[in-house]
Amino acid sequence: MEKYAPAHNITFEEAMEKFPAQTGIDRYGQPEEIAELMAFLVSPQAKWMTGSAVRMDGGEIKGV
């Protein structure tokens, strides 16, 4: 947001408030949510995952 706010001529606080609605996400993610994915990726259950890109963006990028 430190770069987003000046680029859009708004304050940091305004950017934090407006960004989710503008990008289509309901809320900002929590560190624990990222940690849960990381725990899975380094676990034995992920042993068949190779060459994958995993997005954690709260649905900002729509896909199937």
Protein backbone atom coordinates (compact mmCIF):
# COMPACT_ATOMS: atom_id res chain seq x y z
CA MET A 1 0.00 0.00 0.00
CA GLU A 2 3.00 2.29 0.45
CA LYS A 3 3.34 2.41 -3.36
CA TYR A 4 -0.33 1.91 -4.25
CA ALA A 5 -1.57 4.93 -2.27
CA PRO A 6 0.67 7.60 -3.84
CA ALA A 7 0.17 6.09 -7.30
CA HIS A 8 -3.59 6.57 -6.84
CA ASN A 9 -3.28 9.95 -5.11
CA ILE A 10 -4.85 8.73 -1.86
CA THR A 11 -3.62 8.27 1.70
CA PHE A 12 -2.30 4.99 3.02
CA GLU A 13 -5.41 4.64 5.21
CA GLU A 14 -7.72 5.25 2.24
CA ALA A 15 -5.81 2.67 0.22
CA MET A 16 -6.15 0.08 2.98
CA GLU A 17 -9.89 0.70 3.07
CA LYS A 18 -10.57 0.90 -0.69
CA PHE A 19 -8.20 -1.73 -2.12
CA PRO A 20 -10.22 -4.84 -1.16
CA ALA A 21 -13.42 -3.54 -2.77
CA GLN A 22 -11.57 -2.41 -5.90
CA THR A 23 -9.94 -5.80 -6.35
CA GLY A 24 -12.94 -7.92 -5.45
CA ILE A 25 -11.67 -9.45 -2.22
CA ASP A 26 -13.70 -9.48 0.99
CA ARG A 27 -10.82 -8.99 3.40
CA TYR A 28 -7.08 -9.07 3.78
CA GLY A 29 -5.53 -12.47 4.40
CA GLN A 30 -4.05 -13.38 7.75
CA PRO A 31 -0.49 -14.65 8.28
CA GLU A 32 -1.91 -17.90 9.66
CA GLU A 33 -3.64 -18.58 6.34
CA ILE A 34 -0.34 -18.33 4.48
CA ALA A 35 1.36 -20.47 7.14
CA GLU A 36 -1.24 -23.21 6.69
CA LEU A 37 -0.46 -23.42 2.98
CA MET A 38 3.29 -23.44 3.65
CA ALA A 39 2.83 -26.24 6.19
CA PHE A 40 0.98 -28.30 3.61
CA LEU A 41 3.56 -27.65 0.87
CA VAL A 42 6.42 -28.90 3.03
CA SER A 43 4.44 -31.88 4.35
CA PRO A 44 4.49 -35.45 3.00
CA GLN A 45 0.94 -34.91 1.70
CA ALA A 46 2.30 -32.56 -0.97
CA LYS A 47 4.92 -34.97 -2.28
CA TRP A 48 3.21 -35.24 -5.69
CA MET A 49 3.07 -31.48 -6.22
CA THR A 50 5.80 -30.43 -8.61
CA GLY A 51 6.19 -27.33 -10.75
CA SER A 52 3.03 -25.74 -9.38
CA ALA A 53 2.27 -22.08 -8.85
CA VAL A 54 -0.13 -21.50 -5.97
CA ARG A 55 -1.90 -18.14 -5.67
CA MET A 56 -3.24 -16.99 -2.34
CA ASP A 57 -5.06 -13.82 -3.24
CA GLY A 58 -8.48 -14.20 -1.67
CA GLY A 59 -10.08 -14.61 -5.08
CA GLU A 60 -8.67 -11.41 -6.60
CA ILE A 61 -7.76 -13.32 -9.76
CA LYS A 62 -10.81 -15.21 -10.97
CA GLY A 63 -10.20 -18.69 -12.33
CA VAL A 64 -11.65 -22.13 -12.70
